[in-house]
Amino acid sequence: MTLEKILVTAKADLPSKHINFHPAYEYGKTEVVPLDRDSGSQCAVTFYDIAPGKANYPYHYHSASEEVFYIISGHGVVETNEGEVPIAAGSVVVCPPCEAGAHRIRNTSNTEKLCYIDIDTMPKADVAFYPKTGKIGVFAGGSNKFYAASAECGYYDGE
């Protein structure tokens, strides 16, 4: 979706998806400006509602995309290279596109949702690294592909 004029909306007026593909990850996702690298948009804007005791994405970092999270309500932790940092309503988390920006947001409450807004820059291509599991995600051309880093090959292999 390319924005062609000012967008004024409310979270309640946008469609929301409930995602629960894995026991450790459960969340609601409401896209204001969807992540679409080919749209011409320069950022993505999404609301997340993370279920109690869950996270929305695994621990990772990006090579090109910067991420900014503003915590609206609830509390939790952001896992970083330096350990867990408590977050709560009013916290702002800025993740640079490098290994030092590795993160995972997790809701530490047993009863309430952790709600935040996520604003991401939108490079045409990006690579995400998952240090705990040795995966690599490649995002380009409307495609998201994930690989095991251990499947490394030489530049000229198969040529």
Protein backbone atom coordinates (compact mmCIF):
# COMPACT_ATOMS: atom_id res chain seq x y z
CA MET A 1 0.00 0.00 0.00
CA THR A 2 1.60 3.24 -1.12
CA LEU A 3 0.36 6.23 0.82
CA GLU A 4 -0.82 8.91 -1.58
CA LYS A 5 -2.28 11.24 1.03
CA ILE A 6 -2.30 11.72 4.79
CA LEU A 7 -3.72 8.74 6.63
CA VAL A 8 -5.75 9.44 9.78
CA THR A 9 -7.20 6.33 11.36
CA ALA A 10 -7.67 4.50 14.65
CA LYS A 11 -6.52 1.04 15.68
CA ALA A 12 -10.15 0.05 16.31
CA ASP A 13 -11.03 0.87 12.68
CA LEU A 14 -8.37 -1.45 11.19
CA PRO A 15 -8.56 -5.22 10.66
CA SER A 16 -6.62 -7.28 13.17
CA LYS A 17 -5.16 -10.79 12.87
CA HIS A 18 -4.68 -13.26 15.71
CA ILE A 19 -1.49 -15.31 15.24
CA ASN A 20 -0.71 -18.45 17.22
CA PHE A 21 1.50 -20.81 15.16
CA HIS A 22 3.83 -21.86 18.00
CA PRO A 23 3.31 -22.42 21.77
CA ALA A 24 5.77 -19.63 22.73
CA TYR A 25 4.40 -17.07 20.27
CA GLU A 26 0.89 -15.62 20.33
CA TYR A 27 -0.18 -12.12 19.39
CA GLY A 28 -2.62 -9.81 17.69
CA LYS A 29 -1.34 -7.81 14.72
CA THR A 30 -3.02 -4.66 13.38
CA GLU A 31 -1.28 -3.15 10.37
CA VAL A 32 -1.59 0.59 9.81
CA VAL A 33 0.96 0.63 6.97
CA PRO A 34 1.78 -2.97 6.00
CA LEU A 35 5.34 -4.20 5.53
CA ASP A 36 5.56 -4.27 1.73
CA ARG A 37 9.07 -3.67 0.42
CA ASP A 38 7.84 -3.20 -3.15
CA SER A 39 5.10 -0.64 -2.38
CA GLY A 40 7.30 2.44 -2.33
CA SER A 41 6.49 3.13 1.33
CA GLN A 42 9.50 4.02 3.45
CA CYS A 43 8.16 2.61 6.71
CA ALA A 44 5.79 0.02 8.13
CA VAL A 45 3.56 0.77 11.12
CA THR A 46 1.95 -2.04 13.13
CA PHE A 47 0.20 -2.42 16.47
CA TYR A 48 0.99 -5.62 18.42
CA ASP A 49 -0.94 -7.11 21.33
CA ILE A 50 1.19 -9.87 22.86
CA ALA A 51 -0.62 -12.48 24.94
CA PRO A 52 0.42 -13.01 28.58
CA GLY A 53 3.64 -15.02 28.87
CA LYS A 54 4.26 -14.98 25.10
CA ALA A 55 6.37 -13.20 22.47
CA ASN A 56 5.59 -12.33 18.87
CA TYR A 57 8.91 -13.02 17.14
CA PRO A 58 12.09 -14.95 17.95
CA TYR A 59 15.30 -13.22 19.08
CA HIS A 60 16.79 -11.61 15.95
CA TYR A 61 18.45 -8.61 14.35
CA HIS A 62 18.30 -7.01 10.92
CA SER A 63 21.05 -5.98 8.53
CA ALA A 64 19.13 -3.05 7.02
CA SER A 65 15.82 -2.34 8.79
CA GLU A 66 15.69 -0.11 11.87
CA GLU A 67 12.87 -0.76 14.34
CA VAL A 68 11.27 1.50 16.93
CA PHE A 69 8.80 0.20 19.52
CA TYR A 70 6.64 2.39 21.77
CA ILE A 71 4.98 0.50 24.62
CA ILE A 72 1.35 1.57 25.00
CA SER A 73 0.25 -0.67 27.87
CA GLY A 74 1.31 -3.69 29.88
CA HIS A 75 4.83 -4.71 30.80
CA GLY A 76 7.48 -7.16 29.74
CA VAL A 77 11.12 -7.39 28.75
CA VAL A 78 13.16 -6.78 25.68
CA GLU A 79 15.87 -9.40 25.36
CA THR A 80 19.15 -7.88 24.13
CA ASN A 81 22.76 -8.97 23.69
CA GLU A 82 23.38 -7.55 27.16
CA GLY A 83 20.47 -9.32 28.89
CA GLU A 84 16.82 -8.56 29.56
CA VAL A 85 15.66 -4.97 29.98
CA PRO A 86 12.27 -4.30 31.64
CA ILE A 87 9.74 -2.36 29.53
CA ALA A 88 6.36 -0.88 30.42
CA ALA A 89 3.87 1.72 29.19
CA GLY A 90 5.81 4.76 27.98
CA SER A 91 9.03 2.85 27.18
CA VAL A 92 10.66 3.41 23.79
CA VAL A 93 12.95 0.77 22.29
CA VAL A 94 15.14 1.61 19.27
CA CYS A 95 16.87 -1.28 17.48
CA PRO A 96 19.69 -0.42 15.05
CA PRO A 97 20.30 -2.63 12.00
CA CYS A 98 23.26 -4.62 13.32
CA GLU A 99 24.16 -7.42 15.72
CA ALA A 100 24.07 -4.99 18.67
CA GLY A 101 20.38 -4.42 17.79
CA ALA A 102 19.37 -8.06 18.44
CA HIS A 103 16.08 -8.21 20.32
CA ARG A 104 12.93 -10.08 21.27
CA ILE A 105 10.00 -8.53 23.11
CA ARG A 106 8.28 -10.83 25.61
CA ASN A 107 5.22 -10.22 27.77
CA THR A 108 6.07 -11.15 31.38
CA SER A 109 2.54 -10.67 32.74
CA ASN A 110 0.38 -13.67 33.62
CA THR A 111 -2.86 -11.77 33.01
CA GLU A 112 -2.60 -8.68 30.80
CA LYS A 113 -1.63 -8.08 27.18
CA LEU A 114 1.50 -6.14 26.27
CA CYS A 115 0.51 -3.59 23.62
CA TYR A 116 2.93 -1.58 21.52
CA ILE A 117 3.33 0.16 18.19
CA ASP A 118 6.16 -0.93 15.90
CA ILE A 119 7.61 1.45 13.29
CA ASP A 120 10.12 -0.10 10.86
CA THR A 121 12.15 1.42 8.07
CA MET A 122 11.56 -0.33 4.77
CA PRO A 123 14.67 -1.10 2.72
CA LYS A 124 14.08 -2.90 -0.58
CA ALA A 125 15.92 -5.93 0.81
CA ASP A 126 16.87 -7.05 4.31
CA VAL A 127 18.49 -10.00 6.01
CA ALA A 128 17.53 -11.03 9.54
CA PHE A 129 19.80 -13.16 11.71
CA TYR A 130 18.53 -15.46 14.47
CA PRO A 131 21.56 -16.01 16.74
CA LYS A 132 19.93 -18.52 19.10
CA THR A 133 18.77 -20.88 16.34
CA GLY A 134 21.32 -20.26 13.58
CA LYS A 135 18.73 -19.19 10.99
CA ILE A 136 18.91 -16.45 8.40
CA GLY A 137 15.85 -14.75 6.90
CA VAL A 138 16.05 -13.07 3.50
CA PHE A 139 13.37 -10.51 2.66
CA ALA A 140 13.30 -9.14 -0.90
CA GLY A 141 11.03 -8.92 -3.91
CA GLY A 142 7.88 -9.74 -1.96
CA SER A 143 9.38 -13.00 -0.71
CA ASN A 144 10.43 -14.10 2.77
CA LYS A 145 12.76 -17.11 2.86
CA PHE A 146 14.48 -18.71 5.85
CA TYR A 147 17.67 -20.78 5.80
CA ALA A 148 19.91 -22.59 8.23
CA ALA A 149 23.19 -20.67 8.46
CA SER A 150 25.00 -24.02 8.57
CA ALA A 151 24.04 -24.58 4.92
CA GLU A 152 26.74 -22.15 3.82
CA CYS A 153 28.14 -22.63 0.33
CA GLY A 154 30.90 -21.09 -1.75
CA TYR A 155 30.29 -18.16 -4.04
CA TYR A 156 30.97 -20.22 -7.19
CA ASP A 157 29.41 -23.50 -6.00
CA GLY A 158 27.08 -24.89 -8.68
CA GLU A 159 28.16 -22.41 -11.33
